[in-house]
Amino acid sequence: MAGINWLGRGLGVVCAALLASAWAYVLWVPAAGLTVTGINVVTALLLVAFAVFAGIAAAHGHAVVLALLFLASFFPVGAFLIPTDHWLKWVGWIDLGLLAAAVLIWATRRREAVS
């Protein structure tokens, strides 16, 4: 069971790093294929922050925090991007990786002994 927990943690960290990198790329590289202005900049910065916090939560094995960050990043943007014909559709699929990591970590968490 410890191996599955570490697999979930590793998957969460990798997915979070990919998400943070993708959103940072969208923000700072004009050739990314998107024009990011106004509120879109704030949203992209927020999604970078969510990805960083998700990586920290995954590394520490906090499945509930990871699941909440998945919800915060997937439903506003990730679910919208999956059916598109753009390279950013992978952001939605990587968001689902955060959910898989949260499930793996939660399923293999240590059970507290009730005294």
PDB file of N, CA and C in Angstrom:
ATOM      1  N   MET A   1       0.807  -1.192   0.000  1.00  0.00           N
ATOM      2  CA  MET A   1       0.000   0.000   0.000  1.00  0.00           C
ATOM      3  C   MET A   1       0.854   1.262   0.000  1.00  0.00           C
ATOM      4  N   ALA A   2       2.018   1.205   0.599  1.00  0.00           N
ATOM      5  CA  ALA A   2       2.875   2.394   0.640  1.00  0.00           C
ATOM      6  C   ALA A   2       3.348   2.766  -0.760  1.00  0.00           C
ATOM      7  N   GLY A   3       3.548   1.758  -1.609  1.00  0.00           N
ATOM      8  CA  GLY A   3       3.974   2.033  -2.977  1.00  0.00           C
ATOM      9  C   GLY A   3       2.909   2.764  -3.773  1.00  0.00           C
ATOM     10  N   ILE A   4       1.651   2.420  -3.550  1.00  0.00           N
ATOM     11  CA  ILE A   4       0.556   3.095  -4.252  1.00  0.00           C
ATOM     12  C   ILE A   4       0.427   4.527  -3.749  1.00  0.00           C
ATOM     13  N   ASN A   5       0.647   4.737  -2.456  1.00  0.00           N
ATOM     14  CA  ASN A   5       0.608   6.082  -1.903  1.00  0.00           C
ATOM     15  C   ASN A   5       1.695   6.944  -2.542  1.00  0.00           C
ATOM     16  N   TRP A   6       2.888   6.400  -2.651  1.00  0.00           N
ATOM     17  CA  TRP A   6       3.983   7.158  -3.279  1.00  0.00           C
ATOM     18  C   TRP A   6       3.723   7.372  -4.764  1.00  0.00           C
ATOM     19  N   LEU A   7       3.063   6.425  -5.419  1.00  0.00           N
ATOM     20  CA  LEU A   7       2.683   6.601  -6.813  1.00  0.00           C
ATOM     21  C   LEU A   7       1.709   7.772  -6.948  1.00  0.00           C
ATOM     22  N   GLY A   8       0.731   7.836  -6.056  1.00  0.00           N
ATOM     23  CA  GLY A   8      -0.221   8.948  -6.063  1.00  0.00           C
ATOM     24  C   GLY A   8       0.453  10.276  -5.807  1.00  0.00           C
ATOM     25  N   ARG A   9       1.371  10.294  -4.852  1.00  0.00           N
ATOM     26  CA  ARG A   9       2.106  11.528  -4.565  1.00  0.00           C
ATOM     27  C   ARG A   9       2.943  11.964  -5.767  1.00  0.00           C
ATOM     28  N   GLY A  10       3.628  11.011  -6.359  1.00  0.00           N
ATOM     29  CA  GLY A  10       4.458  11.330  -7.526  1.00  0.00           C
ATOM     30  C   GLY A  10       3.623  11.810  -8.700  1.00  0.00           C
ATOM     31  N   LEU A  11       2.495  11.132  -8.944  1.00  0.00           N
ATOM     32  CA  LEU A  11       1.599  11.540 -10.020  1.00  0.00           C
ATOM     33  C   LEU A  11       1.080  12.955  -9.774  1.00  0.00           C
ATOM     34  N   GLY A  12       0.720  13.247  -8.546  1.00  0.00           N
ATOM     35  CA  GLY A  12       0.229  14.584  -8.206  1.00  0.00           C
ATOM     36  C   GLY A  12       1.273  15.661  -8.416  1.00  0.00           C
ATOM     37  N   VAL A  13       2.500  15.388  -8.014  1.00  0.00           N
ATOM     38  CA  VAL A  13       3.578  16.366  -8.172  1.00  0.00           C
ATOM     39  C   VAL A  13       3.882  16.590  -9.654  1.00  0.00           C
ATOM     40  N   VAL A  14       3.932  15.509 -10.430  1.00  0.00           N
ATOM     41  CA  VAL A  14       4.224  15.639 -11.862  1.00  0.00           C
ATOM     42  C   VAL A  14       3.106  16.398 -12.569  1.00  0.00           C
ATOM     43  N   CYS A  15       1.863  16.051 -12.287  1.00  0.00           N
ATOM     44  CA  CYS A  15       0.733  16.744 -12.911  1.00  0.00           C
ATOM     45  C   CYS A  15       0.712  18.219 -12.519  1.00  0.00           C
ATOM     46  N   ALA A  16       0.980  18.506 -11.261  1.00  0.00           N
ATOM     47  CA  ALA A  16       0.998  19.900 -10.807  1.00  0.00           C
ATOM     48  C   ALA A  16       2.115  20.681 -11.496  1.00  0.00           C
ATOM     49  N   ALA A  17       3.279  20.065 -11.645  1.00  0.00           N
ATOM     50  CA  ALA A  17       4.391  20.745 -12.327  1.00  0.00           C
ATOM     51  C   ALA A  17       4.061  20.999 -13.793  1.00  0.00           C
ATOM     52  N   LEU A  18       3.417  20.036 -14.441  1.00  0.00           N
ATOM     53  CA  LEU A  18       3.022  20.221 -15.837  1.00  0.00           C
ATOM     54  C   LEU A  18       1.976  21.323 -15.977  1.00  0.00           C
ATOM     55  N   LEU A  19       1.018  21.356 -15.064  1.00  0.00           N
ATOM     56  CA  LEU A  19      -0.011  22.393 -15.106  1.00  0.00           C
ATOM     57  C   LEU A  19       0.581  23.779 -14.879  1.00  0.00           C
ATOM     58  N   ALA A  20       1.438  23.903 -13.880  1.00  0.00           N
ATOM     59  CA  ALA A  20       2.063  25.204 -13.615  1.00  0.00           C
ATOM     60  C   ALA A  20       2.898  25.650 -14.808  1.00  0.00           C
ATOM     61  N   SER A  21       3.610  24.718 -15.422  1.00  0.00           N
ATOM     62  CA  SER A  21       4.425  25.057 -16.586  1.00  0.00           C
ATOM     63  C   SER A  21       3.564  25.473 -17.778  1.00  0.00           C
ATOM     64  N   ALA A  22       2.480  24.762 -18.002  1.00  0.00           N
ATOM     65  CA  ALA A  22       1.598  25.084 -19.125  1.00  0.00           C
ATOM     66  C   ALA A  22       0.980  26.465 -18.962  1.00  0.00           C
ATOM     67  N   TRP A  23       0.479  26.777 -17.774  1.00  0.00           N
ATOM     68  CA  TRP A  23      -0.140  28.080 -17.566  1.00  0.00           C
ATOM     69  C   TRP A  23       0.892  29.196 -17.581  1.00  0.00           C
ATOM     70  N   ALA A  24       2.091  28.947 -17.072  1.00  0.00           N
ATOM     71  CA  ALA A  24       3.149  29.953 -17.153  1.00  0.00           C
ATOM     72  C   ALA A  24       3.545  30.195 -18.604  1.00  0.00           C
ATOM     73  N   TYR A  25       3.584  29.143 -19.401  1.00  0.00           N
ATOM     74  CA  TYR A  25       3.885  29.258 -20.829  1.00  0.00           C
ATOM     75  C   TYR A  25       2.826  30.108 -21.530  1.00  0.00           C
ATOM     76  N   VAL A  26       1.563  29.860 -21.219  1.00  0.00           N
ATOM     77  CA  VAL A  26       0.473  30.639 -21.815  1.00  0.00           C
ATOM     78  C   VAL A  26       0.596  32.107 -21.430  1.00  0.00           C
ATOM     79  N   LEU A  27       0.995  32.363 -20.183  1.00  0.00           N
ATOM     80  CA  LEU A  27       1.104  33.736 -19.708  1.00  0.00           C
ATOM     81  C   LEU A  27       2.234  34.519 -20.365  1.00  0.00           C
ATOM     82  N   TRP A  28       3.396  33.901 -20.478  1.00  0.00           N
ATOM     83  CA  TRP A  28       4.583  34.670 -20.826  1.00  0.00           C
ATOM     84  C   TRP A  28       5.145  34.424 -22.219  1.00  0.00           C
ATOM     85  N   VAL A  29       4.558  33.546 -22.992  1.00  0.00           N
ATOM     86  CA  VAL A  29       5.044  33.299 -24.349  1.00  0.00           C
ATOM     87  C   VAL A  29       3.951  33.689 -25.342  1.00  0.00           C
ATOM     88  N   PRO A  30       4.146  34.776 -26.069  1.00  0.00           N
ATOM     89  CA  PRO A  30       3.109  35.217 -27.009  1.00  0.00           C
ATOM     90  C   PRO A  30       2.828  34.205 -28.121  1.00  0.00           C
ATOM     91  N   ALA A  31       3.790  33.370 -28.462  1.00  0.00           N
ATOM     92  CA  ALA A  31       3.599  32.380 -29.526  1.00  0.00           C
ATOM     93  C   ALA A  31       2.802  31.161 -29.065  1.00  0.00           C
ATOM     94  N   ALA A  32       2.258  31.191 -27.848  1.00  0.00           N
ATOM     95  CA  ALA A  32       1.489  30.062 -27.327  1.00  0.00           C
ATOM     96  C   ALA A  32       0.167  29.879 -28.061  1.00  0.00           C
ATOM     97  N   GLY A  33      -0.222  30.860 -28.833  1.00  0.00           N
ATOM     98  CA  GLY A  33      -1.456  30.742 -29.594  1.00  0.00           C
ATOM     99  C   GLY A  33      -2.654  31.368 -28.916  1.00  0.00           C
ATOM    100  N   LEU A  34      -2.434  32.069 -27.823  1.00  0.00           N
ATOM    101  CA  LEU A  34      -3.526  32.724 -27.103  1.00  0.00           C
ATOM    102  C   LEU A  34      -3.159  34.169 -26.815  1.00  0.00           C
ATOM    103  N   THR A  35      -4.148  35.015 -26.819  1.00  0.00           N
ATOM    104  CA  THR A  35      -3.960  36.384 -26.380  1.00  0.00           C
ATOM    105  C   THR A  35      -4.516  36.480 -24.974  1.00  0.00           C
ATOM    106  N   VAL A  36      -3.635  36.643 -24.019  1.00  0.00           N
ATOM    107  CA  VAL A  36      -4.043  36.677 -22.618  1.00  0.00           C
ATOM    108  C   VAL A  36      -3.977  38.123 -22.142  1.00  0.00           C
ATOM    109  N   THR A  37      -5.142  38.684 -21.879  1.00  0.00           N
ATOM    110  CA  THR A  37      -5.224  40.066 -21.408  1.00  0.00           C
ATOM    111  C   THR A  37      -6.294  40.163 -20.331  1.00  0.00           C
ATOM    112  N   GLY A  38      -6.253  41.247 -19.587  1.00  0.00           N
ATOM    113  CA  GLY A  38      -7.293  41.543 -18.606  1.00  0.00           C
ATOM    114  C   GLY A  38      -7.485  40.466 -17.564  1.00  0.00           C
ATOM    115  N   ILE A  39      -8.734  40.047 -17.399  1.00  0.00           N
ATOM    116  CA  ILE A  39      -9.083  39.061 -16.373  1.00  0.00           C
ATOM    117  C   ILE A  39      -8.474  37.700 -16.683  1.00  0.00           C
ATOM    118  N   ASN A  40      -8.165  37.431 -17.941  1.00  0.00           N
ATOM    119  CA  ASN A  40      -7.530  36.162 -18.301  1.00  0.00           C
ATOM    120  C   ASN A  40      -6.148  36.029 -17.682  1.00  0.00           C
ATOM    121  N   VAL A  41      -5.454  37.136 -17.523  1.00  0.00           N
ATOM    122  CA  VAL A  41      -4.144  37.110 -16.864  1.00  0.00           C
ATOM    123  C   VAL A  41      -4.310  36.710 -15.410  1.00  0.00           C
ATOM    124  N   VAL A  42      -5.292  37.295 -14.758  1.00  0.00           N
ATOM    125  CA  VAL A  42      -5.553  36.971 -13.348  1.00  0.00           C
ATOM    126  C   VAL A  42      -5.935  35.497 -13.211  1.00  0.00           C
ATOM    127  N   THR A  43      -6.765  35.006 -14.112  1.00  0.00           N
ATOM    128  CA  THR A  43      -7.187  33.608 -14.077  1.00  0.00           C
ATOM    129  C   THR A  43      -5.990  32.683 -14.293  1.00  0.00           C
ATOM    130  N   ALA A  44      -5.156  32.991 -15.262  1.00  0.00           N
ATOM    131  CA  ALA A  44      -3.986  32.152 -15.520  1.00  0.00           C
ATOM    132  C   ALA A  44      -3.021  32.168 -14.336  1.00  0.00           C
ATOM    133  N   LEU A  45      -2.821  33.327 -13.716  1.00  0.00           N
ATOM    134  CA  LEU A  45      -1.964  33.393 -12.524  1.00  0.00           C
ATOM    135  C   LEU A  45      -2.563  32.588 -11.378  1.00  0.00           C
ATOM    136  N   LEU A  46      -3.878  32.646 -11.232  1.00  0.00           N
ATOM    137  CA  LEU A  46      -4.549  31.869 -10.191  1.00  0.00           C
ATOM    138  C   LEU A  46      -4.382  30.371 -10.440  1.00  0.00           C
ATOM    139  N   LEU A  47      -4.471  29.949 -11.699  1.00  0.00           N
ATOM    140  CA  LEU A  47      -4.302  28.534 -12.022  1.00  0.00           C
ATOM    141  C   LEU A  47      -2.858  28.072 -11.816  1.00  0.00           C
ATOM    142  N   VAL A  48      -1.894  28.965 -12.032  1.00  0.00           N
ATOM    143  CA  VAL A  48      -0.498  28.638 -11.701  1.00  0.00           C
ATOM    144  C   VAL A  48      -0.371  28.434 -10.194  1.00  0.00           C
ATOM    145  N   ALA A  49      -0.971  29.332  -9.421  1.00  0.00           N
ATOM    146  CA  ALA A  49      -0.918  29.202  -7.956  1.00  0.00           C
ATOM    147  C   ALA A  49      -1.604  27.920  -7.488  1.00  0.00           C
ATOM    148  N   PHE A  50      -2.767  27.599  -8.069  1.00  0.00           N
ATOM    149  CA  PHE A  50      -3.449  26.347  -7.721  1.00  0.00           C
ATOM    150  C   PHE A  50      -2.555  25.147  -8.004  1.00  0.00           C
ATOM    151  N   ALA A  51      -1.854  25.172  -9.133  1.00  0.00           N
ATOM    152  CA  ALA A  51      -0.983  24.053  -9.493  1.00  0.00           C
ATOM    153  C   ALA A  51       0.175  23.923  -8.506  1.00  0.00           C
ATOM    154  N   VAL A  52       0.739  25.041  -8.103  1.00  0.00           N
ATOM    155  CA  VAL A  52       1.842  24.995  -7.133  1.00  0.00           C
ATOM    156  C   VAL A  52       1.344  24.435  -5.803  1.00  0.00           C
ATOM    157  N   PHE A  53       0.193  24.920  -5.342  1.00  0.00           N
ATOM    158  CA  PHE A  53      -0.363  24.412  -4.087  1.00  0.00           C
ATOM    159  C   PHE A  53      -0.743  22.937  -4.203  1.00  0.00           C
ATOM    160  N   ALA A  54      -1.215  22.517  -5.369  1.00  0.00           N
ATOM    161  CA  ALA A  54      -1.537  21.102  -5.579  1.00  0.00           C
ATOM    162  C   ALA A  54      -0.283  20.244  -5.505  1.00  0.00           C
ATOM    163  N   GLY A  55       0.812  20.734  -6.039  1.00  0.00           N
ATOM    164  CA  GLY A  55       2.078  20.000  -5.950  1.00  0.00           C
ATOM    165  C   GLY A  55       2.540  19.848  -4.514  1.00  0.00           C
ATOM    166  N   ILE A  56       2.401  20.908  -3.737  1.00  0.00           N
ATOM    167  CA  ILE A  56       2.774  20.847  -2.320  1.00  0.00           C
ATOM    168  C   ILE A  56       1.862  19.877  -1.571  1.00  0.00           C
ATOM    169  N   ALA A  57       0.567  19.944  -1.841  1.00  0.00           N
ATOM    170  CA  ALA A  57      -0.386  19.041  -1.181  1.00  0.00           C
ATOM    171  C   ALA A  57      -0.107  17.591  -1.557  1.00  0.00           C
ATOM    172  N   ALA A  58       0.220  17.346  -2.825  1.00  0.00           N
ATOM    173  CA  ALA A  58       0.524  15.979  -3.258  1.00  0.00           C
ATOM    174  C   ALA A  58       1.790  15.470  -2.587  1.00  0.00           C
ATOM    175  N   ALA A  59       2.798  16.315  -2.513  1.00  0.00           N
ATOM    176  CA  ALA A  59       4.060  15.894  -1.891  1.00  0.00           C
ATOM    177  C   ALA A  59       3.870  15.537  -0.419  1.00  0.00           C
ATOM    178  N   HIS A  60       2.960  16.241   0.252  1.00  0.00           N
ATOM    179  CA  HIS A  60       2.710  15.977   1.665  1.00  0.00           C
ATOM    180  C   HIS A  60       1.611  14.952   1.896  1.00  0.00           C
ATOM    181  N   GLY A  61       0.971  14.481   0.820  1.00  0.00           N
ATOM    182  CA  GLY A  61      -0.038  13.437   0.943  1.00  0.00           C
ATOM    183  C   GLY A  61      -1.389  13.914   1.425  1.00  0.00           C
ATOM    184  N   HIS A  62      -1.756  15.150   1.125  1.00  0.00           N
ATOM    185  CA  HIS A  62      -3.051  15.695   1.535  1.00  0.00           C
ATOM    186  C   HIS A  62      -4.063  15.513   0.410  1.00  0.00           C
ATOM    187  N   ALA A  63      -4.759  14.399   0.433  1.00  0.00           N
ATOM    188  CA  ALA A  63      -5.681  14.049  -0.646  1.00  0.00           C
ATOM    189  C   ALA A  63      -6.862  14.999  -0.733  1.00  0.00           C
ATOM    190  N   VAL A  64      -7.403  15.446   0.388  1.00  0.00           N
ATOM    191  CA  VAL A  64      -8.573  16.320   0.364  1.00  0.00           C
ATOM    192  C   VAL A  64      -8.212  17.671  -0.247  1.00  0.00           C
ATOM    193  N   VAL A  65      -7.070  18.218   0.128  1.00  0.00           N
ATOM    194  CA  VAL A  65      -6.632  19.495  -0.438  1.00  0.00           C
ATOM    195  C   VAL A  65      -6.388  19.337  -1.935  1.00  0.00           C
ATOM    196  N   LEU A  66      -5.788  18.240  -2.322  1.00  0.00           N
ATOM    197  CA  LEU A  66      -5.534  17.973  -3.734  1.00  0.00           C
ATOM    198  C   LEU A  66      -6.844  17.860  -4.512  1.00  0.00           C
ATOM    199  N   ALA A  67      -7.832  17.199  -3.941  1.00  0.00           N
ATOM    200  CA  ALA A  67      -9.129  17.077  -4.604  1.00  0.00           C
ATOM    201  C   ALA A  67      -9.823  18.435  -4.719  1.00  0.00           C
ATOM    202  N   LEU A  68      -9.720  19.263  -3.691  1.00  0.00           N
ATOM    203  CA  LEU A  68     -10.315  20.600  -3.757  1.00  0.00           C
ATOM    204  C   LEU A  68      -9.638  21.470  -4.813  1.00  0.00           C
ATOM    205  N   LEU A  69      -8.329  21.362  -4.916  1.00  0.00           N
ATOM    206  CA  LEU A  69      -7.615  22.123  -5.941  1.00  0.00           C
ATOM    207  C   LEU A  69      -7.927  21.588  -7.337  1.00  0.00           C
ATOM    208  N   PHE A  70      -8.157  20.289  -7.448  1.00  0.00           N
ATOM    209  CA  PHE A  70      -8.621  19.741  -8.721  1.00  0.00           C
ATOM    210  C   PHE A  70      -9.953  20.377  -9.108  1.00  0.00           C
ATOM    211  N   LEU A  71     -10.891  20.415  -8.166  1.00  0.00           N
ATOM    212  CA  LEU A  71     -12.203  21.003  -8.436  1.00  0.00           C
ATOM    213  C   LEU A  71     -12.080  22.476  -8.834  1.00  0.00           C
ATOM    214  N   ALA A  72     -11.201  23.193  -8.137  1.00  0.00           N
ATOM    215  CA  ALA A  72     -11.042  24.628  -8.403  1.00  0.00           C
ATOM    216  C   ALA A  72     -10.415  24.899  -9.759  1.00  0.00           C
ATOM    217  N   SER A  73      -9.619  23.975 -10.270  1.00  0.00           N
ATOM    218  CA  SER A  73      -8.968  24.225 -11.554  1.00  0.00           C
ATOM    219  C   SER A  73      -9.641  23.500 -12.717  1.00  0.00           C
ATOM    220  N   PHE A  74     -10.336  22.404 -12.450  1.00  0.00           N
ATOM    221  CA  PHE A  74     -10.919  21.636 -13.550  1.00  0.00           C
ATOM    222  C   PHE A  74     -12.238  22.215 -14.041  1.00  0.00           C
ATOM    223  N   PHE A  75     -13.151  22.500 -13.131  1.00  0.00           N
ATOM    224  CA  PHE A  75     -14.481  22.881 -13.580  1.00  0.00           C
ATOM    225  C   PHE A  75     -14.567  24.276 -14.197  1.00  0.00           C
ATOM    226  N   PRO A  76     -13.804  25.253 -13.768  1.00  0.00           N
ATOM    227  CA  PRO A  76     -13.906  26.507 -14.514  1.00  0.00           C
ATOM    228  C   PRO A  76     -13.236  26.441 -15.884  1.00  0.00           C
ATOM    229  N   VAL A  77     -12.108  25.742 -15.991  1.00  0.00           N
ATOM    230  CA  VAL A  77     -11.325  25.831 -17.221  1.00  0.00           C
ATOM    231  C   VAL A  77     -11.054  24.465 -17.848  1.00  0.00           C
ATOM    232  N   GLY A  78     -10.612  23.508 -17.073  1.00  0.00           N
ATOM    233  CA  GLY A  78     -10.201  22.211 -17.607  1.00  0.00           C
ATOM    234  C   GLY A  78     -11.290  21.477 -18.363  1.00  0.00           C
ATOM    235  N   ALA A  79     -12.491  21.470 -17.813  1.00  0.00           N
ATOM    236  CA  ALA A  79     -13.604  20.779 -18.480  1.00  0.00           C
ATOM    237  C   ALA A  79     -13.958  21.468 -19.791  1.00  0.00           C
ATOM    238  N   PHE A  80     -13.794  22.771 -19.849  1.00  0.00           N
ATOM    239  CA  PHE A  80     -14.054  23.512 -21.076  1.00  0.00           C
ATOM    240  C   PHE A  80     -12.999  23.211 -22.139  1.00  0.00           C
ATOM    241  N   LEU A  81     -11.752  22.979 -21.708  1.00  0.00           N
ATOM    242  CA  LEU A  81     -10.655  22.806 -22.662  1.00  0.00           C
ATOM    243  C   LEU A  81     -10.561  21.400 -23.253  1.00  0.00           C
ATOM    244  N   ILE A  82     -11.046  20.375 -22.573  1.00  0.00           N
ATOM    245  CA  ILE A  82     -10.883  18.999 -23.048  1.00  0.00           C
ATOM    246  C   ILE A  82     -11.433  18.791 -24.460  1.00  0.00           C
ATOM    247  N   PRO A  83     -12.644  19.237 -24.800  1.00  0.00           N
ATOM    248  CA  PRO A  83     -13.143  18.961 -26.150  1.00  0.00           C
ATOM    249  C   PRO A  83     -12.605  19.894 -27.243  1.00  0.00           C
ATOM    250  N   THR A  84     -11.786  20.881 -26.895  1.00  0.00           N
ATOM    251  CA  THR A  84     -11.298  21.824 -27.900  1.00  0.00           C
ATOM    252  C   THR A  84     -10.219  21.200 -28.768  1.00  0.00           C
ATOM    253  N   ASP A  85     -10.002  21.820 -29.907  1.00  0.00           N
ATOM    254  CA  ASP A  85      -8.945  21.370 -30.821  1.00  0.00           C
ATOM    255  C   ASP A  85      -7.752  22.313 -30.694  1.00  0.00           C
ATOM    256  N   HIS A  86      -7.152  22.316 -29.522  1.00  0.00           N
ATOM    257  CA  HIS A  86      -6.033  23.190 -29.208  1.00  0.00           C
ATOM    258  C   HIS A  86      -5.100  22.412 -28.286  1.00  0.00           C
ATOM    259  N   TRP A  87      -3.830  22.792 -28.261  1.00  0.00           N
ATOM    260  CA  TRP A  87      -2.896  22.047 -27.415  1.00  0.00           C
ATOM    261  C   TRP A  87      -3.262  22.160 -25.934  1.00  0.00           C
ATOM    262  N   LEU A  88      -4.028  23.182 -25.562  1.00  0.00           N
ATOM    263  CA  LEU A  88      -4.408  23.341 -24.161  1.00  0.00           C
ATOM    264  C   LEU A  88      -5.421  22.297 -23.684  1.00  0.00           C
ATOM    265  N   LYS A  89      -5.941  21.464 -24.599  1.00  0.00           N
ATOM    266  CA  LYS A  89      -6.851  20.406 -24.137  1.00  0.00           C
ATOM    267  C   LYS A  89      -6.131  19.462 -23.177  1.00  0.00           C
ATOM    268  N   TRP A  90      -4.817  19.384 -23.302  1.00  0.00           N
ATOM    269  CA  TRP A  90      -4.048  18.515 -22.407  1.00  0.00           C
ATOM    270  C   TRP A  90      -4.063  19.024 -20.974  1.00  0.00           C
ATOM    271  N   VAL A  91      -4.302  20.313 -20.800  1.00  0.00           N
ATOM    272  CA  VAL A  91      -4.424  20.858 -19.449  1.00  0.00           C
ATOM    273  C   VAL A  91      -5.607  20.209 -18.741  1.00  0.00           C
ATOM    274  N   GLY A  92      -6.705  20.029 -19.434  1.00  0.00           N
ATOM    275  CA  GLY A  92      -7.867  19.355 -18.835  1.00  0.00           C
ATOM    276  C   GLY A  92      -7.576  17.916 -18.462  1.00  0.00           C
ATOM    277  N   TRP A  93      -6.857  17.220 -19.348  1.00  0.00           N
ATOM    278  CA  TRP A  93      -6.520  15.822 -19.048  1.00  0.00           C
ATOM    279  C   TRP A  93      -5.531  15.721 -17.894  1.00  0.00           C
ATOM    280  N   ILE A  94      -4.593  16.661 -17.816  1.00  0.00           N
ATOM    281  CA  ILE A  94      -3.633  16.655 -16.700  1.00  0.00           C
ATOM    282  C   ILE A  94      -4.349  16.996 -15.396  1.00  0.00           C
ATOM    283  N   ASP A  95      -5.364  17.861 -15.464  1.00  0.00           N
ATOM    284  CA  ASP A  95      -6.191  18.123 -14.277  1.00  0.00           C
ATOM    285  C   ASP A  95      -6.816  16.831 -13.756  1.00  0.00           C
ATOM    286  N   LEU A  96      -7.258  15.977 -14.665  1.00  0.00           N
ATOM    287  CA  LEU A  96      -7.815  14.686 -14.241  1.00  0.00           C
ATOM    288  C   LEU A  96      -6.757  13.817 -13.557  1.00  0.00           C
ATOM    289  N   GLY A  97      -5.499  14.033 -13.908  1.00  0.00           N
ATOM    290  CA  GLY A  97      -4.407  13.350 -13.216  1.00  0.00           C
ATOM    291  C   GLY A  97      -4.336  13.749 -11.752  1.00  0.00           C
ATOM    292  N   LEU A  98      -4.668  15.009 -11.459  1.00  0.00           N
ATOM    293  CA  LEU A  98      -4.721  15.440 -10.052  1.00  0.00           C
ATOM    294  C   LEU A  98      -5.804  14.673  -9.296  1.00  0.00           C
ATOM    295  N   LEU A  99      -6.936  14.456  -9.944  1.00  0.00           N
ATOM    296  CA  LEU A  99      -8.002  13.677  -9.311  1.00  0.00           C
ATOM    297  C   LEU A  99      -7.550  12.245  -9.065  1.00  0.00           C
ATOM    298  N   ALA A 100      -6.900  11.643 -10.044  1.00  0.00           N
ATOM    299  CA  ALA A 100      -6.401  10.273  -9.877  1.00  0.00           C
ATOM    300  C   ALA A 100      -5.392  10.211  -8.730  1.00  0.00           C
ATOM    301  N   ALA A 101      -4.526  11.207  -8.633  1.00  0.00           N
ATOM    302  CA  ALA A 101      -3.552  11.240  -7.545  1.00  0.00           C
ATOM    303  C   ALA A 101      -4.246  11.368  -6.197  1.00  0.00           C
ATOM    304  N   ALA A 102      -5.267  12.210  -6.120  1.00  0.00           N
ATOM    305  CA  ALA A 102      -6.006  12.376  -4.865  1.00  0.00           C
ATOM    306  C   ALA A 102      -6.674  11.073  -4.449  1.00  0.00           C
ATOM    307  N   VAL A 103      -7.247  10.351  -5.418  1.00  0.00           N
ATOM    308  CA  VAL A 103      -7.897   9.073  -5.110  1.00  0.00           C
ATOM    309  C   VAL A 103      -6.871   8.057  -4.620  1.00  0.00           C
ATOM    310  N   LEU A 104      -5.718   7.985  -5.279  1.00  0.00           N
ATOM    311  CA  LEU A 104      -4.673   7.039  -4.847  1.00  0.00           C
ATOM    312  C   LEU A 104      -4.176   7.363  -3.442  1.00  0.00           C
ATOM    313  N   ILE A 105      -3.967   8.636  -3.166  1.00  0.00           N
ATOM    314  CA  ILE A 105      -3.480   9.021  -1.832  1.00  0.00           C
ATOM    315  C   ILE A 105      -4.551   8.755  -0.781  1.00  0.00           C
ATOM    316  N   TRP A 106      -5.804   9.101  -1.093  1.00  0.00           N
ATOM    317  CA  TRP A 106      -6.881   8.902  -0.127  1.00  0.00           C
ATOM    318  C   TRP A 106      -7.115   7.416   0.154  1.00  0.00           C
ATOM    319  N   ALA A 107      -7.041   6.595  -0.869  1.00  0.00           N
ATOM    320  CA  ALA A 107      -7.298   5.160  -0.700  1.00  0.00           C
ATOM    321  C   ALA A 107      -6.220   4.470   0.125  1.00  0.00           C
ATOM    322  N   THR A 108      -5.034   5.032   0.162  1.00  0.00           N
ATOM    323  CA  THR A 108      -3.926   4.391   0.876  1.00  0.00           C
ATOM    324  C   THR A 108      -3.484   5.188   2.098  1.00  0.00           C
ATOM    325  N   ARG A 109      -4.338   6.079   2.575  1.00  0.00           N
ATOM    326  CA  ARG A 109      -3.969   6.869   3.751  1.00  0.00           C
ATOM    327  C   ARG A 109      -3.882   5.973   4.982  1.00  0.00           C
ATOM    328  N   ARG A 110      -3.117   6.433   5.919  1.00  0.00           N
ATOM    329  CA  ARG A 110      -2.999   5.685   7.183  1.00  0.00           C
ATOM    330  C   ARG A 110      -4.262   5.889   7.997  1.00  0.00           C
ATOM    331  N   ARG A 111      -4.773   4.822   8.505  1.00  0.00           N
ATOM    332  CA  ARG A 111      -5.989   4.890   9.319  1.00  0.00           C
ATOM    333  C   ARG A 111      -5.582   5.193  10.772  1.00  0.00           C
ATOM    334  N   GLU A 112      -6.235   6.175  11.343  1.00  0.00           N
ATOM    335  CA  GLU A 112      -5.968   6.515  12.739  1.00  0.00           C
ATOM    336  C   GLU A 112      -6.635   5.469  13.645  1.00  0.00           C
ATOM    337  N   ALA A 113      -5.916   5.012  14.627  1.00  0.00           N
ATOM    338  CA  ALA A 113      -6.479   4.048  15.575  1.00  0.00           C
ATOM    339  C   ALA A 113      -7.413   4.795  16.534  1.00  0.00           C
ATOM    340  N   VAL A 114      -8.620   4.288  16.671  1.00  0.00           N
ATOM    341  CA  VAL A 114      -9.595   4.904  17.565  1.00  0.00           C
ATOM    342  C   VAL A 114      -9.407   4.300  18.943  1.00  0.00           C
ATOM    343  N   SER A 115      -9.159   5.154  19.927  1.00  0.00           N
ATOM    344  CA  SER A 115      -8.911   4.656  21.291  1.00  0.00           C
ATOM    345  C   SER A 115     -10.147   4.715  22.122  1.00  0.00           C
TER     346      SER A 115
END
